[in-house]
Amino acid sequence: MPQIRLKAGMKAMLLSLAAGGMLLGSHSGLAQERKVGSFLKPTKVSAADKKFINDLEYKTFRWFWDTANSKTGLVPDRAPLPKGAASIASVGFGLTAYGIGVERGYITRNEAVERTLKTLKFIESLPQNDRPMGSAGYKGFYYHFLDQETGLRVADWSELSSVDTALFMSGVLFSQSFYTRNDAREKEIRQIADRLYRRIDWNWMSVNHPFLSMGWTPPNHYLSNDWKGYNEGLIIYLLAMGSPTNAVPQNTWKTWTDSYAHQWGEFQGYKFLNFAPLFGHQYSESWIDFRGIQDDFSRAHNTDYFQNSRAAVYAQRAYAMANPGDWKDYGANIWGLTACDGPGDEKQSYNGKMRHYMSYSARGAGLDYISDDGTLAPTAAGGSIAFAPEIVIPALREMHQKYGDRIYNQYGFLDSFNPSFQKDGHYWVANQQLGIDQGPILLMIENWRNGFVWKVMKKNKYVRSGLMRAGFQGGWLSHKR
């Protein structure tokens, strides 16, 4: 449990550093500036590539299907971890995973309906109040970590989380738009999804108007950091904009996008809106197709959020190729920095230099900050496959071929590994998978294949409303549903 507590606190701390424009490090660009539009997509994927991606997608799906609690449907934050906490964000990824399972033929639609309905009915039944313990959430929001058996706040350090609630609600709205058949159970899924979304009081979370707070703890304490600057806050603000009951004011989106001006700039030869760890680009875009749609900020910068994320992936690969930290194995096909587990808070000599290693941390490389201890996370690449398959697939293949079963098991890639950190004669490898890292791999593989998750979410009236109230225009938004 101490590991989970560190995770929540560390992530919030590093996000606040990024939002405030503080630099943890810097590195000058080595490549000439390139335009994102000049990147070429592959025209062919080999049979071996297809076989590997098929295996990875199926195994990653099985993690969600097999680890969810059989009685409550709650999905663990990480597994294996006996008596570990559930993560409300993991549930959002899990709900989406079940639809993918139907699409891929891993499970039947009936199995997916049964699991989804069980999960939603259980979560809706949980108490919501402002008492320190004995509830699952308050004002429609949910605590970051819940007891897998009871669904209640797992401990007094678990915050009522706006981002984790948004990731959960993304899975809820996916379920609402996927289960559209005219039968009693699918109709109930749609109804529960609607009630869960409508009861969230987004304005209550906006204590420093118009920004949304990162969270709250009872009895009446908002976290000190708000959602400012470009990050995974895209999905939070879009859901808050689209609410039919408690929508934040329409000017909120512009005020928020004005806050990330300091993140626009060049890194490793690519000019884009920076956020150092790749999860910040992946989470929102796992559900929302930003290809060809633009808000005022992206129009002013002649890009869209999808192309921006594509540039971020290329820039991080270029960083690994430059390898300013002189870490073992970094290169064109061995790269990937994002929030993930690590070897621990330790010092160890590598390549003639004393190095400091970290436990769970929001590793990343960008104009906003650099945090790199040689720890690589396969989800950084895997969750970016829809952005840049031509560089992601070779990276995933090489990681699998080079490190083999030490980093890849019955549920796909383990969370992270560090070739530079040695212990007992072996390099360090995480012994668990995390729901919020497995999720982007699974969802983005399916989006790369055929845009499946994106297509489902385009049908959702609340998602569409949020985008339009935020000022997005063009592309698929111009077409009638």
Protein backbone atom coordinates (compact mmCIF):
# COMPACT_ATOMS: atom_id res chain seq x y z
CA MET A 1 0.00 0.00 0.00
CA PRO A 2 2.81 2.54 0.59
CA GLN A 3 3.73 2.08 -3.09
CA ILE A 4 0.26 3.15 -4.16
CA ARG A 5 0.33 6.21 -1.93
CA LEU A 6 3.63 7.32 -3.41
CA LYS A 7 2.18 6.94 -6.87
CA ALA A 8 -0.68 9.36 -6.28
CA GLY A 9 1.48 11.98 -4.59
CA MET A 10 4.36 11.79 -7.04
CA LYS A 11 2.12 12.15 -10.07
CA ALA A 12 0.40 15.26 -8.66
CA MET A 13 3.73 16.82 -7.73
CA LEU A 14 5.28 16.36 -11.16
CA LEU A 15 2.15 17.50 -12.93
CA SER A 16 2.21 20.68 -10.89
CA LEU A 17 5.84 21.29 -11.86
CA ALA A 18 4.95 20.90 -15.52
CA ALA A 19 1.88 23.12 -15.20
CA GLY A 20 3.89 25.81 -13.48
CA GLY A 21 6.54 25.83 -16.16
CA MET A 22 9.36 24.71 -13.84
CA LEU A 23 12.17 22.89 -15.61
CA LEU A 24 13.58 19.70 -14.15
CA GLY A 25 16.15 19.65 -16.91
CA SER A 26 16.79 20.79 -20.45
CA HIS A 27 18.44 19.60 -23.61
CA SER A 28 19.04 21.47 -26.83
CA GLY A 29 17.60 20.13 -30.08
CA LEU A 30 19.96 18.05 -32.22
CA ALA A 31 17.82 17.59 -35.30
CA GLN A 32 16.66 20.19 -37.76
CA GLU A 33 13.11 21.40 -37.28
CA ARG A 34 10.62 19.26 -39.19
CA LYS A 35 6.98 19.77 -39.97
CA VAL A 36 4.72 17.11 -38.56
CA GLY A 37 2.85 16.84 -41.85
CA SER A 38 6.00 15.56 -43.55
CA PHE A 39 5.96 12.30 -41.56
CA LEU A 40 5.09 9.32 -43.73
CA LYS A 41 2.78 6.57 -42.53
CA PRO A 42 3.64 2.97 -43.42
CA THR A 43 2.00 1.42 -46.44
CA LYS A 44 2.57 -2.13 -45.28
CA VAL A 45 2.73 -4.06 -42.02
CA SER A 46 4.51 -7.39 -42.16
CA ALA A 47 2.86 -10.68 -41.22
CA ALA A 48 5.27 -10.96 -38.28
CA ASP A 49 4.29 -7.49 -37.07
CA LYS A 50 0.60 -8.34 -37.31
CA LYS A 51 1.10 -11.59 -35.41
CA PHE A 52 2.95 -9.82 -32.62
CA ILE A 53 0.44 -6.96 -32.30
CA ASN A 54 -2.40 -9.50 -32.28
CA ASP A 55 -0.70 -11.31 -29.41
CA LEU A 56 -0.03 -8.10 -27.50
CA GLU A 57 -3.59 -6.86 -27.87
CA TYR A 58 -5.15 -10.14 -26.75
CA LYS A 59 -2.86 -10.52 -23.74
CA THR A 60 -3.42 -6.92 -22.66
CA PHE A 61 -7.18 -7.43 -22.93
CA ARG A 62 -6.91 -10.57 -20.77
CA TRP A 63 -5.31 -8.50 -18.00
CA PHE A 64 -8.52 -6.50 -17.62
CA TRP A 65 -10.82 -9.47 -18.07
CA ASP A 66 -8.98 -11.74 -15.65
CA THR A 67 -8.02 -9.30 -12.88
CA ALA A 68 -11.37 -7.53 -12.39
CA ASN A 69 -13.09 -8.48 -9.13
CA SER A 70 -15.64 -11.20 -9.85
CA LYS A 71 -18.21 -9.76 -7.40
CA THR A 72 -17.91 -6.01 -7.93
CA GLY A 73 -16.37 -5.66 -11.39
CA LEU A 74 -13.77 -3.24 -10.01
CA VAL A 75 -10.41 -3.35 -11.79
CA PRO A 76 -7.17 -3.25 -9.78
CA ASP A 77 -4.75 -0.38 -9.91
CA ARG A 78 -2.00 -2.96 -10.40
CA ALA A 79 -1.70 -6.73 -10.48
CA PRO A 80 -0.58 -9.09 -9.23
CA LEU A 81 -0.95 -7.50 -5.80
CA PRO A 82 -2.90 -9.52 -3.22
CA LYS A 83 -5.51 -7.34 -1.49
CA GLY A 84 -4.44 -4.35 -3.58
CA ALA A 85 -6.70 -1.40 -4.24
CA ALA A 86 -8.93 -0.88 -7.25
CA SER A 87 -8.41 2.21 -9.38
CA ILE A 88 -11.48 4.05 -10.65
CA ALA A 89 -9.47 5.02 -13.76
CA SER A 90 -8.65 1.36 -14.38
CA VAL A 91 -12.38 0.66 -14.35
CA GLY A 92 -12.84 3.19 -17.16
CA PHE A 93 -10.22 1.47 -19.26
CA GLY A 94 -11.73 -1.90 -18.37
CA LEU A 95 -15.24 -0.92 -19.46
CA THR A 96 -13.79 0.09 -22.82
CA ALA A 97 -11.73 -3.10 -22.99
CA TYR A 98 -14.89 -5.22 -22.87
CA GLY A 99 -16.24 -3.55 -26.01
CA ILE A 100 -12.90 -4.19 -27.71
CA GLY A 101 -13.18 -7.81 -26.60
CA VAL A 102 -16.49 -8.10 -28.44
CA GLU A 103 -15.09 -6.35 -31.52
CA ARG A 104 -12.08 -8.70 -31.61
CA GLY A 105 -14.06 -11.84 -30.78
CA TYR A 106 -12.25 -12.47 -27.48
CA ILE A 107 -15.56 -12.62 -25.60
CA THR A 108 -19.21 -12.71 -26.56
CA ARG A 109 -21.42 -9.63 -26.47
CA ASN A 110 -23.47 -11.33 -23.77
CA GLU A 111 -20.36 -11.75 -21.59
CA ALA A 112 -19.44 -8.10 -22.09
CA VAL A 113 -22.97 -6.94 -21.26
CA GLU A 114 -23.02 -9.03 -18.09
CA ARG A 115 -19.65 -7.72 -16.87
CA THR A 116 -20.41 -4.11 -17.78
CA LEU A 117 -23.85 -4.10 -16.16
CA LYS A 118 -22.52 -5.72 -12.98
CA THR A 119 -19.79 -3.08 -12.73
CA LEU A 120 -22.05 -0.10 -13.37
CA LYS A 121 -24.82 -1.29 -11.02
CA PHE A 122 -22.31 -1.85 -8.24
CA ILE A 123 -20.65 1.53 -8.66
CA GLU A 124 -23.97 3.38 -8.84
CA SER A 125 -25.07 1.70 -5.61
CA LEU A 126 -22.06 2.94 -3.64
CA PRO A 127 -22.62 5.75 -1.11
CA GLN A 128 -21.56 9.29 -1.96
CA ASN A 129 -21.02 11.71 0.92
CA ASP A 130 -18.40 14.00 2.47
CA ARG A 131 -17.48 11.75 5.40
CA PRO A 132 -13.78 10.85 5.64
CA MET A 133 -14.45 7.13 5.28
CA GLY A 134 -17.36 4.94 4.31
CA SER A 135 -18.12 6.31 0.86
CA ALA A 136 -16.89 5.85 -2.71
CA GLY A 137 -17.03 9.51 -3.63
CA TYR A 138 -18.82 12.84 -3.41
CA LYS A 139 -20.66 15.17 -5.80
CA GLY A 140 -20.49 12.48 -8.50
CA PHE A 141 -16.68 12.24 -8.33
CA TYR A 142 -14.88 9.12 -7.14
CA TYR A 143 -11.88 8.47 -4.97
CA HIS A 144 -8.76 7.50 -6.85
CA PHE A 145 -8.38 4.19 -5.01
CA LEU A 146 -11.23 2.00 -3.77
CA ASP A 147 -11.40 -1.25 -1.83
CA GLN A 148 -11.95 -3.98 -4.42
CA GLU A 149 -14.46 -5.82 -2.25
CA THR A 150 -16.50 -2.96 -0.77
CA GLY A 151 -15.94 -0.21 -3.34
CA LEU A 152 -15.31 2.31 -0.55
CA ARG A 153 -12.41 4.74 -0.17
CA VAL A 154 -9.42 2.55 0.56
CA ALA A 155 -7.60 4.90 2.99
CA ASP A 156 -7.51 8.53 4.11
CA TRP A 157 -4.66 9.32 1.69
CA SER A 158 -6.76 8.52 -1.38
CA GLU A 159 -8.01 11.76 -2.95
CA LEU A 160 -11.30 12.44 -4.68
CA SER A 161 -9.76 12.64 -8.13
CA SER A 162 -11.05 14.74 -11.02
CA VAL A 163 -8.82 13.10 -13.62
CA ASP A 164 -9.44 9.53 -12.50
CA THR A 165 -13.17 10.23 -12.43
CA ALA A 166 -12.89 11.58 -15.99
CA LEU A 167 -11.08 8.45 -17.17
CA PHE A 168 -13.76 6.32 -15.51
CA MET A 169 -16.49 8.39 -17.13
CA SER A 170 -14.85 7.97 -20.53
CA GLY A 171 -15.39 4.23 -20.15
CA VAL A 172 -18.93 4.84 -18.92
CA LEU A 173 -19.81 6.98 -21.94
CA PHE A 174 -18.16 4.44 -24.23
CA SER A 175 -20.49 1.82 -22.74
CA GLN A 176 -23.48 4.11 -23.25
CA SER A 177 -22.70 4.45 -26.95
CA PHE A 178 -21.58 0.85 -27.58
CA TYR A 179 -24.49 -1.07 -26.06
CA THR A 180 -27.27 0.26 -28.27
CA ARG A 181 -29.44 -2.79 -28.79
CA ASN A 182 -33.08 -2.78 -27.85
CA ASP A 183 -32.97 -5.23 -24.98
CA ALA A 184 -33.48 -4.69 -21.26
CA ARG A 185 -29.88 -5.13 -20.14
CA GLU A 186 -28.30 -2.88 -22.76
CA LYS A 187 -30.98 -0.29 -22.10
CA GLU A 188 -30.13 -0.42 -18.39
CA ILE A 189 -26.43 0.11 -19.18
CA ARG A 190 -27.34 3.26 -21.11
CA GLN A 191 -29.58 4.52 -18.33
CA ILE A 192 -27.03 3.98 -15.55
CA ALA A 193 -24.31 5.60 -17.67
CA ASP A 194 -26.53 8.64 -18.13
CA ARG A 195 -27.23 8.96 -14.41
CA LEU A 196 -23.56 8.60 -13.45
CA TYR A 197 -22.51 11.33 -15.87
CA ARG A 198 -25.33 13.73 -15.08
CA ARG A 199 -24.71 13.71 -11.33
CA ILE A 200 -21.11 14.95 -11.51
CA ASP A 201 -20.96 18.52 -10.19
CA TRP A 202 -18.06 19.86 -12.24
CA ASN A 203 -18.55 23.41 -10.97
CA TRP A 204 -18.09 22.26 -7.38
CA MET A 205 -14.59 21.07 -8.40
CA SER A 206 -13.86 24.57 -9.80
CA VAL A 207 -12.86 26.22 -6.53
CA ASN A 208 -10.38 28.53 -8.31
CA HIS A 209 -12.73 29.53 -11.10
CA PRO A 210 -12.58 28.73 -13.96
CA PHE A 211 -9.93 26.05 -13.46
CA LEU A 212 -10.83 22.61 -12.15
CA SER A 213 -8.98 21.32 -9.12
CA MET A 214 -6.96 18.12 -9.34
CA GLY A 215 -8.94 16.79 -6.41
CA TRP A 216 -10.37 17.06 -2.94
CA THR A 217 -10.14 15.34 0.44
CA PRO A 218 -12.66 15.44 3.27
CA PRO A 219 -13.79 17.26 5.25
CA ASN A 220 -13.35 20.26 2.92
CA HIS A 221 -9.87 20.46 1.44
CA TYR A 222 -9.15 20.98 -2.27
CA LEU A 223 -5.75 19.91 -3.57
CA SER A 224 -3.41 22.84 -4.06
CA ASN A 225 -2.98 22.26 -7.79
CA ASP A 226 -5.50 23.02 -10.53
CA TRP A 227 -5.60 21.70 -14.08
CA LYS A 228 -3.50 24.29 -15.89
CA GLY A 229 -1.25 23.79 -18.88
CA TYR A 230 -1.51 21.18 -21.61
CA ASN A 231 -1.81 17.65 -20.23
CA GLU A 232 -4.45 14.92 -19.96
CA GLY A 233 -6.75 17.66 -18.73
CA LEU A 234 -8.22 17.67 -22.25
CA ILE A 235 -10.61 14.87 -21.33
CA ILE A 236 -11.55 16.43 -17.99
CA TYR A 237 -12.49 19.80 -19.43
CA LEU A 238 -14.29 18.27 -22.42
CA LEU A 239 -16.50 16.15 -20.15
CA ALA A 240 -17.09 19.16 -17.91
CA MET A 241 -18.07 21.23 -20.95
CA GLY A 242 -20.49 18.61 -22.25
CA SER A 243 -22.49 18.05 -19.07
CA PRO A 244 -26.26 18.61 -19.50
CA THR A 245 -26.64 19.33 -15.78
CA ASN A 246 -23.49 20.95 -14.38
CA ALA A 247 -21.46 22.20 -17.33
CA VAL A 248 -18.65 24.64 -16.64
CA PRO A 249 -18.93 28.05 -18.40
CA GLN A 250 -18.14 28.10 -22.11
CA ASN A 251 -15.16 30.45 -21.69
CA THR A 252 -13.44 27.86 -19.46
CA TRP A 253 -11.84 26.15 -22.45
CA LYS A 254 -10.18 29.31 -23.76
CA THR A 255 -8.94 30.27 -20.31
CA TRP A 256 -7.46 26.81 -19.93
CA THR A 257 -5.78 26.74 -23.35
CA ASP A 258 -4.35 30.20 -22.66
CA SER A 259 -2.54 28.62 -19.71
CA TYR A 260 -0.31 26.40 -21.82
CA ALA A 261 1.44 29.01 -23.91
CA HIS A 262 4.78 28.30 -22.19
CA GLN A 263 4.67 24.67 -23.39
CA TRP A 264 4.64 25.52 -27.10
CA GLY A 265 8.15 25.32 -28.52
CA GLU A 266 10.90 23.20 -30.00
CA PHE A 267 12.29 20.05 -28.46
CA GLN A 268 14.72 17.74 -30.24
CA GLY A 269 14.02 19.53 -33.50
CA TYR A 270 10.22 19.24 -33.36
CA LYS A 271 7.95 22.18 -32.63
CA PHE A 272 4.80 21.26 -30.73
CA LEU A 273 2.80 21.67 -27.53
CA ASN A 274 4.98 19.87 -25.01
CA PHE A 275 4.09 17.60 -22.12
CA ALA A 276 7.07 15.49 -21.12
CA PRO A 277 5.52 12.11 -20.16
CA LEU A 278 3.63 10.50 -23.01
CA PHE A 279 0.60 9.55 -20.91
CA GLY A 280 -0.49 13.19 -21.10
CA HIS A 281 -0.90 12.80 -24.85
CA GLN A 282 -2.41 9.32 -24.72
CA TYR A 283 -5.17 9.38 -22.11
CA SER A 284 -7.57 11.83 -23.75
CA GLU A 285 -6.84 10.57 -27.24
CA SER A 286 -7.49 6.97 -26.28
CA TRP A 287 -11.18 7.94 -26.46
CA ILE A 288 -11.35 11.13 -28.55
CA ASP A 289 -10.40 11.34 -32.23
CA PHE A 290 -8.77 14.73 -32.66
CA ARG A 291 -7.71 14.13 -36.26
CA GLY A 292 -8.78 17.08 -38.35
CA ILE A 293 -10.75 18.92 -35.67
CA GLN A 294 -9.38 22.13 -34.18
CA ASP A 295 -10.04 24.54 -31.36
CA ASP A 296 -8.83 28.15 -31.40
CA PHE A 297 -5.39 27.22 -30.06
CA SER A 298 -4.70 24.49 -32.61
CA ARG A 299 -6.03 26.65 -35.45
CA ALA A 300 -3.68 29.45 -34.41
CA HIS A 301 -0.76 27.01 -34.44
CA ASN A 302 -1.74 25.23 -37.67
CA THR A 303 -2.02 21.79 -36.08
CA ASP A 304 -4.46 19.57 -34.24
CA TYR A 305 -4.04 17.60 -31.03
CA PHE A 306 -3.46 14.33 -32.87
CA GLN A 307 -0.66 15.79 -35.00
CA ASN A 308 0.72 17.42 -31.85
CA SER A 309 0.90 14.06 -30.09
CA ARG A 310 2.51 12.55 -33.17
CA ALA A 311 5.25 15.18 -32.96
CA ALA A 312 5.69 14.48 -29.24
CA VAL A 313 6.29 10.79 -29.97
CA TYR A 314 8.87 11.57 -32.64
CA ALA A 315 10.59 14.05 -30.32
CA GLN A 316 10.84 11.51 -27.54
CA ARG A 317 12.33 8.96 -29.91
CA ALA A 318 14.84 11.59 -31.06
CA TYR A 319 15.70 12.22 -27.40
CA ALA A 320 16.43 8.51 -26.90
CA MET A 321 18.61 8.47 -30.00
CA ALA A 322 20.56 11.48 -28.73
CA ASN A 323 20.70 9.81 -25.28
CA PRO A 324 22.10 12.79 -23.34
CA GLY A 325 21.98 10.78 -20.11
CA ASP A 326 24.13 8.01 -21.61
CA TRP A 327 21.71 5.27 -20.55
CA LYS A 328 22.08 1.65 -21.62
CA ASP A 329 20.34 0.48 -24.82
CA TYR A 330 18.60 3.77 -25.69
CA GLY A 331 18.17 4.17 -29.44
CA ALA A 332 15.83 4.37 -32.42
CA ASN A 333 13.88 1.29 -31.34
CA ILE A 334 14.45 1.32 -27.57
CA TRP A 335 12.66 4.34 -26.11
CA GLY A 336 9.67 5.36 -24.01
CA LEU A 337 9.34 7.69 -21.04
CA THR A 338 6.11 8.14 -19.12
CA ALA A 339 4.69 7.70 -15.61
CA CYS A 340 5.64 4.21 -14.48
CA ASP A 341 7.25 2.09 -11.78
CA GLY A 342 11.00 2.23 -11.23
CA PRO A 343 13.82 0.47 -9.37
CA GLY A 344 13.33 2.56 -6.22
CA ASP A 345 14.89 5.56 -4.56
CA GLU A 346 18.47 4.32 -4.84
CA LYS A 347 21.90 5.38 -6.00
CA GLN A 348 24.08 3.14 -8.09
CA SER A 349 27.05 3.55 -10.38
CA TYR A 350 26.54 3.04 -14.09
CA ASN A 351 29.08 3.68 -16.82
CA GLY A 352 31.48 5.29 -14.39
CA LYS A 353 28.93 7.73 -12.94
CA MET A 354 26.87 7.64 -9.75
CA ARG A 355 23.21 7.68 -10.77
CA HIS A 356 20.04 8.37 -8.84
CA TYR A 357 17.10 6.08 -9.58
CA MET A 358 13.44 6.60 -8.73
CA SER A 359 10.45 4.48 -7.79
CA TYR A 360 7.07 5.41 -9.33
CA SER A 361 7.55 8.70 -11.14
CA ALA A 362 6.26 10.72 -14.09
CA ARG A 363 9.30 10.21 -16.28
CA GLY A 364 9.40 12.20 -19.46
CA ALA A 365 11.38 14.30 -21.90
CA GLY A 366 10.16 17.58 -23.33
CA LEU A 367 10.53 21.32 -23.35
CA ASP A 368 8.66 21.49 -20.03
CA TYR A 369 10.96 19.13 -18.16
CA ILE A 370 13.22 16.10 -18.40
CA SER A 371 13.02 13.32 -15.83
CA ASP A 372 14.98 10.26 -16.91
CA ASP A 373 16.71 7.59 -14.85
CA GLY A 374 17.06 4.99 -17.61
CA THR A 375 13.69 3.38 -16.85
CA LEU A 376 11.67 2.53 -19.96
CA ALA A 377 7.92 1.92 -20.09
CA PRO A 378 6.51 -0.11 -23.01
CA THR A 379 3.21 1.76 -22.64
CA ALA A 380 4.98 4.97 -23.71
CA ALA A 381 5.50 3.42 -27.13
CA GLY A 382 2.51 1.04 -27.18
CA GLY A 383 0.01 3.71 -26.19
CA SER A 384 1.34 5.84 -29.07
CA ILE A 385 0.77 3.28 -31.83
CA ALA A 386 -2.15 5.19 -33.33
CA PHE A 387 -0.02 8.35 -33.51
CA ALA A 388 3.08 6.91 -35.18
CA PRO A 389 2.81 3.18 -35.99
CA GLU A 390 5.83 3.33 -38.30
CA ILE A 391 8.16 3.95 -35.34
CA VAL A 392 6.12 2.35 -32.55
CA ILE A 393 5.75 -1.14 -34.02
CA PRO A 394 9.53 -1.55 -34.58
CA ALA A 395 10.11 -0.34 -31.02
CA LEU A 396 7.66 -2.83 -29.50
CA ARG A 397 9.06 -5.64 -31.62
CA GLU A 398 12.66 -4.89 -30.67
CA MET A 399 11.88 -4.58 -26.96
CA HIS A 400 10.14 -7.94 -27.09
CA GLN A 401 12.93 -9.59 -29.08
CA LYS A 402 15.78 -8.10 -27.06
CA TYR A 403 14.42 -8.63 -23.54
CA GLY A 404 12.02 -11.52 -24.12
CA ASP A 405 10.08 -13.16 -21.33
CA ARG A 406 11.70 -11.02 -18.65
CA ILE A 407 9.49 -8.09 -19.68
CA TYR A 408 6.64 -9.92 -21.48
CA ASN A 409 4.30 -12.47 -19.92
CA GLN A 410 0.77 -13.84 -20.22
CA TYR A 411 -0.62 -10.29 -19.91
CA GLY A 412 1.74 -8.57 -22.33
CA PHE A 413 4.46 -6.15 -21.32
CA LEU A 414 5.28 -5.71 -17.66
CA ASP A 415 5.03 -2.10 -16.60
CA SER A 416 8.66 -1.03 -17.01
CA PHE A 417 12.29 -2.07 -16.99
CA ASN A 418 15.71 -0.46 -16.57
CA PRO A 419 18.66 -2.00 -18.44
CA SER A 420 21.09 0.35 -16.61
CA PHE A 421 20.08 -0.68 -13.08
CA GLN A 422 21.62 -3.97 -12.01
CA LYS A 423 20.71 -6.08 -9.03
CA ASP A 424 21.86 -9.63 -8.29
CA GLY A 425 23.42 -9.78 -11.73
CA HIS A 426 20.24 -8.83 -13.61
CA TYR A 427 18.75 -5.61 -14.92
CA TRP A 428 15.65 -4.38 -13.11
CA VAL A 429 12.15 -5.30 -14.34
CA ALA A 430 8.80 -4.39 -12.76
CA ASN A 431 6.82 -7.38 -11.51
CA GLN A 432 3.34 -5.98 -12.20
CA GLN A 433 1.11 -4.44 -14.83
CA LEU A 434 -0.81 -1.21 -14.11
CA GLY A 435 -4.33 -0.58 -15.38
CA ILE A 436 -3.61 3.00 -16.46
CA ASP A 437 -0.62 1.77 -18.49
CA GLN A 438 -2.27 -1.33 -19.94
CA GLY A 439 -5.28 0.73 -21.00
CA PRO A 440 -3.59 3.01 -23.56
CA ILE A 441 -1.84 0.03 -25.16
CA LEU A 442 -5.12 -1.80 -25.69
CA LEU A 443 -7.29 1.13 -26.73
CA MET A 444 -4.73 2.65 -29.06
CA ILE A 445 -3.97 -0.64 -30.81
CA GLU A 446 -7.67 -0.87 -31.63
CA ASN A 447 -7.78 2.76 -32.73
CA TRP A 448 -4.77 2.14 -34.97
CA ARG A 449 -6.48 -0.89 -36.49
CA ASN A 450 -9.79 0.70 -37.39
CA GLY A 451 -10.56 3.67 -35.11
CA PHE A 452 -13.01 1.50 -33.17
CA VAL A 453 -13.03 3.32 -29.81
CA TRP A 454 -13.03 6.69 -31.56
CA LYS A 455 -15.98 5.66 -33.75
CA VAL A 456 -18.03 4.61 -30.73
CA MET A 457 -17.28 7.82 -28.85
CA LYS A 458 -18.23 9.97 -31.87
CA LYS A 459 -21.78 8.71 -31.40
CA ASN A 460 -21.99 10.06 -27.86
CA LYS A 461 -23.99 13.29 -27.68
CA TYR A 462 -22.22 14.47 -24.53
CA VAL A 463 -18.75 14.08 -26.04
CA ARG A 464 -19.87 15.87 -29.19
CA SER A 465 -21.46 18.65 -27.13
CA GLY A 466 -18.30 19.12 -25.07
CA LEU A 467 -16.14 19.43 -28.17
CA MET A 468 -18.47 21.92 -29.83
CA ARG A 469 -18.88 24.07 -26.71
CA ALA A 470 -15.07 24.14 -26.48
CA GLY A 471 -14.97 25.58 -30.00
CA PHE A 472 -13.80 22.54 -31.97
CA GLN A 473 -14.74 22.63 -35.64
CA GLY A 474 -14.06 20.77 -38.86
CA GLY A 475 -13.38 17.13 -39.66
CA TRP A 476 -15.84 14.59 -38.38
CA LEU A 477 -17.64 17.22 -36.28
CA SER A 478 -18.94 18.69 -39.53
CA HIS A 479 -20.76 15.48 -40.36
CA LYS A 480 -24.19 14.61 -39.05
CA ARG A 481 -24.30 11.69 -36.64
